[in-house]
Amino acid sequence: MSNDKDFLGKGFRFPVAVNLNGGVSSSVLEENVRQSIFIILGTAPGERLMRPDFGCRIHDLMFAPNTDITAARAEVYCEEAIYKYEPRIDKVVCRAGANPDAPNRLDVKIEYVIAGKHEKRNLVFPFYLRTDEDIAGGSDDSGANGT
């Protein structure tokens, strides 16, 4: 008899790591769904050669000012991507806002319900906006978003 959580699956841990036996670490069930959300949001459309549409348009906001309008767009982009690429989730609500301690950071708070379950789960996806100083100073992070 199969477990009612089997549909949540198992996959490689994100970020990829080595387990105690020297193999590749994996994640299972609810943790696999959580890590899948980070992969979806951390991937810009066009990054994956065989799946050019995969990812979240939040990366289009990298050079936007950290305002309420940018936050509203981030919310829409994140919800859209999660619904599109994570079928194991029934309900998702994203709320974004500027981080008071980091002027170039937008925190996207995500509440979601796994399909067939009734318990809410949540996570925070930090998205770093480029500041004028980053652009003028020619920071050496090669455009990495830090996610």
C-alpha atoms as a PDB file:
ATOM      1  CA  MET A   1       0.000   0.000   0.000  1.00  0.00           C
ATOM      2  CA  SER A   2       1.372   3.393  -0.925  1.00  0.00           C
ATOM      3  CA  ASN A   3       1.698   6.353   1.375  1.00  0.00           C
ATOM      4  CA  ASP A   4      -0.700   9.279   0.742  1.00  0.00           C
ATOM      5  CA  LYS A   5       2.349  11.550   0.479  1.00  0.00           C
ATOM      6  CA  ASP A   6       4.043   9.565  -2.303  1.00  0.00           C
ATOM      7  CA  PHE A   7       2.909  12.085  -4.911  1.00  0.00           C
ATOM      8  CA  LEU A   8       5.221  14.656  -3.261  1.00  0.00           C
ATOM      9  CA  GLY A   9       8.174  12.698  -4.555  1.00  0.00           C
ATOM     10  CA  LYS A  10      11.891  12.666  -3.999  1.00  0.00           C
ATOM     11  CA  GLY A  11      14.691  14.491  -5.753  1.00  0.00           C
ATOM     12  CA  PHE A  12      18.153  15.952  -5.480  1.00  0.00           C
ATOM     13  CA  ARG A  13      18.662  18.328  -2.573  1.00  0.00           C
ATOM     14  CA  PHE A  14      18.991  21.986  -3.491  1.00  0.00           C
ATOM     15  CA  PRO A  15      21.651  23.165  -3.353  1.00  0.00           C
ATOM     16  CA  VAL A  16      23.295  19.917  -4.381  1.00  0.00           C
ATOM     17  CA  ALA A  17      25.291  18.351  -1.563  1.00  0.00           C
ATOM     18  CA  VAL A  18      27.043  15.091  -0.709  1.00  0.00           C
ATOM     19  CA  ASN A  19      25.501  12.785   1.894  1.00  0.00           C
ATOM     20  CA  LEU A  20      27.376  10.805   4.568  1.00  0.00           C
ATOM     21  CA  ASN A  21      27.816   7.842   2.229  1.00  0.00           C
ATOM     22  CA  GLY A  22      29.464   9.960  -0.456  1.00  0.00           C
ATOM     23  CA  GLY A  23      26.394  10.018  -2.701  1.00  0.00           C
ATOM     24  CA  VAL A  24      24.235  12.916  -3.766  1.00  0.00           C
ATOM     25  CA  SER A  25      21.870  14.137  -1.023  1.00  0.00           C
ATOM     26  CA  SER A  26      18.171  14.013  -1.727  1.00  0.00           C
ATOM     27  CA  SER A  27      15.066  15.673  -0.381  1.00  0.00           C
ATOM     28  CA  VAL A  28      11.696  14.046   0.082  1.00  0.00           C
ATOM     29  CA  LEU A  29       8.042  14.959   0.525  1.00  0.00           C
ATOM     30  CA  GLU A  30       7.288  18.484   1.814  1.00  0.00           C
ATOM     31  CA  GLU A  31      10.968  19.477   1.815  1.00  0.00           C
ATOM     32  CA  ASN A  32      11.176  18.529  -1.874  1.00  0.00           C
ATOM     33  CA  VAL A  33       8.255  20.864  -2.636  1.00  0.00           C
ATOM     34  CA  ARG A  34       9.879  23.693  -0.649  1.00  0.00           C
ATOM     35  CA  GLN A  35      13.166  23.306  -2.496  1.00  0.00           C
ATOM     36  CA  SER A  36      11.314  23.153  -5.804  1.00  0.00           C
ATOM     37  CA  ILE A  37       9.830  26.589  -5.081  1.00  0.00           C
ATOM     38  CA  PHE A  38      13.332  28.008  -4.521  1.00  0.00           C
ATOM     39  CA  ILE A  39      14.493  26.476  -7.820  1.00  0.00           C
ATOM     40  CA  ILE A  40      11.541  27.955  -9.710  1.00  0.00           C
ATOM     41  CA  LEU A  41      11.982  31.430  -8.234  1.00  0.00           C
ATOM     42  CA  GLY A  42      15.775  31.375  -8.514  1.00  0.00           C
ATOM     43  CA  THR A  43      15.711  30.545 -12.227  1.00  0.00           C
ATOM     44  CA  ALA A  44      15.265  33.282 -14.807  1.00  0.00           C
ATOM     45  CA  PRO A  45      13.347  32.361 -17.971  1.00  0.00           C
ATOM     46  CA  GLY A  46      15.836  31.481 -20.690  1.00  0.00           C
ATOM     47  CA  GLU A  47      18.452  30.043 -18.297  1.00  0.00           C
ATOM     48  CA  ARG A  48      17.619  26.433 -19.048  1.00  0.00           C
ATOM     49  CA  LEU A  49      18.511  25.373 -22.550  1.00  0.00           C
ATOM     50  CA  MET A  50      15.919  22.614 -22.910  1.00  0.00           C
ATOM     51  CA  ARG A  51      13.194  24.493 -20.996  1.00  0.00           C
ATOM     52  CA  PRO A  52      13.555  28.144 -22.023  1.00  0.00           C
ATOM     53  CA  ASP A  53      10.193  29.180 -20.518  1.00  0.00           C
ATOM     54  CA  PHE A  54      10.955  27.686 -17.090  1.00  0.00           C
ATOM     55  CA  GLY A  55      11.548  30.123 -14.261  1.00  0.00           C
ATOM     56  CA  CYS A  56      10.198  33.280 -12.691  1.00  0.00           C
ATOM     57  CA  ARG A  57      10.004  36.733 -14.267  1.00  0.00           C
ATOM     58  CA  ILE A  58      11.030  38.333 -10.957  1.00  0.00           C
ATOM     59  CA  HIS A  59      14.516  38.567 -12.461  1.00  0.00           C
ATOM     60  CA  ASP A  60      13.164  41.227 -14.844  1.00  0.00           C
ATOM     61  CA  LEU A  61      12.961  43.459 -11.753  1.00  0.00           C
ATOM     62  CA  MET A  62      16.657  43.283 -10.868  1.00  0.00           C
ATOM     63  CA  PHE A  63      17.284  46.916 -11.814  1.00  0.00           C
ATOM     64  CA  ALA A  64      13.938  48.256 -10.582  1.00  0.00           C
ATOM     65  CA  PRO A  65      13.694  50.602  -7.590  1.00  0.00           C
ATOM     66  CA  ASN A  66      12.675  49.031  -4.285  1.00  0.00           C
ATOM     67  CA  THR A  67       9.139  50.465  -4.262  1.00  0.00           C
ATOM     68  CA  ASP A  68       5.617  49.220  -3.645  1.00  0.00           C
ATOM     69  CA  ILE A  69       5.087  48.892  -7.407  1.00  0.00           C
ATOM     70  CA  THR A  70       8.133  46.650  -7.733  1.00  0.00           C
ATOM     71  CA  ALA A  71       6.909  44.598  -4.754  1.00  0.00           C
ATOM     72  CA  ALA A  72       3.456  44.192  -6.346  1.00  0.00           C
ATOM     73  CA  ARG A  73       5.021  43.004  -9.597  1.00  0.00           C
ATOM     74  CA  ALA A  74       7.224  40.556  -7.692  1.00  0.00           C
ATOM     75  CA  GLU A  75       4.153  39.100  -5.967  1.00  0.00           C
ATOM     76  CA  VAL A  76       2.397  38.528  -9.290  1.00  0.00           C
ATOM     77  CA  TYR A  77       5.479  37.063 -10.975  1.00  0.00           C
ATOM     78  CA  CYS A  78       6.144  34.645  -8.092  1.00  0.00           C
ATOM     79  CA  GLU A  79       2.537  33.430  -7.813  1.00  0.00           C
ATOM     80  CA  GLU A  80       2.357  33.006 -11.576  1.00  0.00           C
ATOM     81  CA  ALA A  81       5.553  30.914 -11.717  1.00  0.00           C
ATOM     82  CA  ILE A  82       4.660  28.717  -8.740  1.00  0.00           C
ATOM     83  CA  TYR A  83       1.204  27.928 -10.103  1.00  0.00           C
ATOM     84  CA  LYS A  84       2.659  27.212 -13.527  1.00  0.00           C
ATOM     85  CA  TYR A  85       5.556  24.960 -12.515  1.00  0.00           C
ATOM     86  CA  GLU A  86       4.628  23.393  -9.171  1.00  0.00           C
ATOM     87  CA  PRO A  87       1.538  21.177  -9.576  1.00  0.00           C
ATOM     88  CA  ARG A  88       1.832  19.824  -6.028  1.00  0.00           C
ATOM     89  CA  ILE A  89       0.602  23.159  -4.634  1.00  0.00           C
ATOM     90  CA  ASP A  90      -3.091  24.107  -4.431  1.00  0.00           C
ATOM     91  CA  LYS A  91      -3.061  27.597  -2.970  1.00  0.00           C
ATOM     92  CA  VAL A  92      -0.297  30.165  -2.944  1.00  0.00           C
ATOM     93  CA  VAL A  93      -0.215  33.743  -1.678  1.00  0.00           C
ATOM     94  CA  CYS A  94       2.839  35.957  -2.111  1.00  0.00           C
ATOM     95  CA  ARG A  95       3.464  39.203  -0.255  1.00  0.00           C
ATOM     96  CA  ALA A  96       6.559  41.221  -1.060  1.00  0.00           C
ATOM     97  CA  GLY A  97       8.091  44.200   0.668  1.00  0.00           C
ATOM     98  CA  ALA A  98      11.341  46.011   1.150  1.00  0.00           C
ATOM     99  CA  ASN A  99      13.590  44.626   3.848  1.00  0.00           C
ATOM    100  CA  PRO A 100      14.132  47.362   6.469  1.00  0.00           C
ATOM    101  CA  ASP A 101      17.730  46.264   7.117  1.00  0.00           C
ATOM    102  CA  ALA A 102      18.839  46.003   3.482  1.00  0.00           C
ATOM    103  CA  PRO A 103      17.711  48.744   1.097  1.00  0.00           C
ATOM    104  CA  ASN A 104      18.376  46.629  -1.988  1.00  0.00           C
ATOM    105  CA  ARG A 105      16.565  43.509  -0.727  1.00  0.00           C
ATOM    106  CA  LEU A 106      12.986  42.615  -1.480  1.00  0.00           C
ATOM    107  CA  ASP A 107      11.563  39.866   0.754  1.00  0.00           C
ATOM    108  CA  VAL A 108       8.877  37.748  -0.883  1.00  0.00           C
ATOM    109  CA  LYS A 109       6.848  35.949   1.793  1.00  0.00           C
ATOM    110  CA  ILE A 110       5.144  32.912   0.332  1.00  0.00           C
ATOM    111  CA  GLU A 111       2.315  30.977   1.965  1.00  0.00           C
ATOM    112  CA  TYR A 112       1.224  27.793   0.256  1.00  0.00           C
ATOM    113  CA  VAL A 113      -0.862  24.684   0.789  1.00  0.00           C
ATOM    114  CA  ILE A 114       0.265  21.349  -0.582  1.00  0.00           C
ATOM    115  CA  ALA A 115      -2.383  19.643  -2.717  1.00  0.00           C
ATOM    116  CA  GLY A 116      -4.736  17.513  -0.644  1.00  0.00           C
ATOM    117  CA  LYS A 117      -3.446  18.872   2.664  1.00  0.00           C
ATOM    118  CA  HIS A 118      -4.903  21.543   4.921  1.00  0.00           C
ATOM    119  CA  GLU A 119      -1.819  22.874   6.644  1.00  0.00           C
ATOM    120  CA  LYS A 120      -0.296  26.156   5.545  1.00  0.00           C
ATOM    121  CA  ARG A 121       3.414  26.319   4.924  1.00  0.00           C
ATOM    122  CA  ASN A 122       5.532  29.372   4.345  1.00  0.00           C
ATOM    123  CA  LEU A 123       8.948  30.535   3.301  1.00  0.00           C
ATOM    124  CA  VAL A 124      10.742  33.782   2.528  1.00  0.00           C
ATOM    125  CA  PHE A 125      12.498  34.248  -0.784  1.00  0.00           C
ATOM    126  CA  PRO A 126      15.062  37.082  -0.601  1.00  0.00           C
ATOM    127  CA  PHE A 127      15.461  38.899  -3.913  1.00  0.00           C
ATOM    128  CA  TYR A 128      18.333  41.354  -4.269  1.00  0.00           C
ATOM    129  CA  LEU A 129      17.843  44.418  -6.433  1.00  0.00           C
ATOM    130  CA  ARG A 130      20.863  46.077  -7.996  1.00  0.00           C
ATOM    131  CA  THR A 131      21.569  49.523  -6.614  1.00  0.00           C
ATOM    132  CA  ASP A 132      23.086  52.474  -8.455  1.00  0.00           C
ATOM    133  CA  GLU A 133      26.299  51.838  -6.495  1.00  0.00           C
ATOM    134  CA  ASP A 134      26.430  48.225  -7.745  1.00  0.00           C
ATOM    135  CA  ILE A 135      26.064  49.419 -11.314  1.00  0.00           C
ATOM    136  CA  ALA A 136      28.532  52.334 -11.055  1.00  0.00           C
ATOM    137  CA  GLY A 137      31.033  50.397  -8.963  1.00  0.00           C
ATOM    138  CA  GLY A 138      31.090  47.456 -11.357  1.00  0.00           C
ATOM    139  CA  SER A 139      30.622  44.874  -8.628  1.00  0.00           C
ATOM    140  CA  ASP A 140      32.320  41.609  -9.440  1.00  0.00           C
ATOM    141  CA  ASP A 141      29.393  39.283  -8.746  1.00  0.00           C
ATOM    142  CA  SER A 142      28.810  38.856 -12.517  1.00  0.00           C
ATOM    143  CA  GLY A 143      25.127  39.668 -12.195  1.00  0.00           C
ATOM    144  CA  ALA A 144      24.457  36.907  -9.699  1.00  0.00           C
ATOM    145  CA  ASN A 145      21.367  37.510  -7.662  1.00  0.00           C
ATOM    146  CA  GLY A 146      22.558  35.689  -4.575  1.00  0.00           C
ATOM    147  CA  THR A 147      19.617  33.290  -4.598  1.00  0.00           C
END
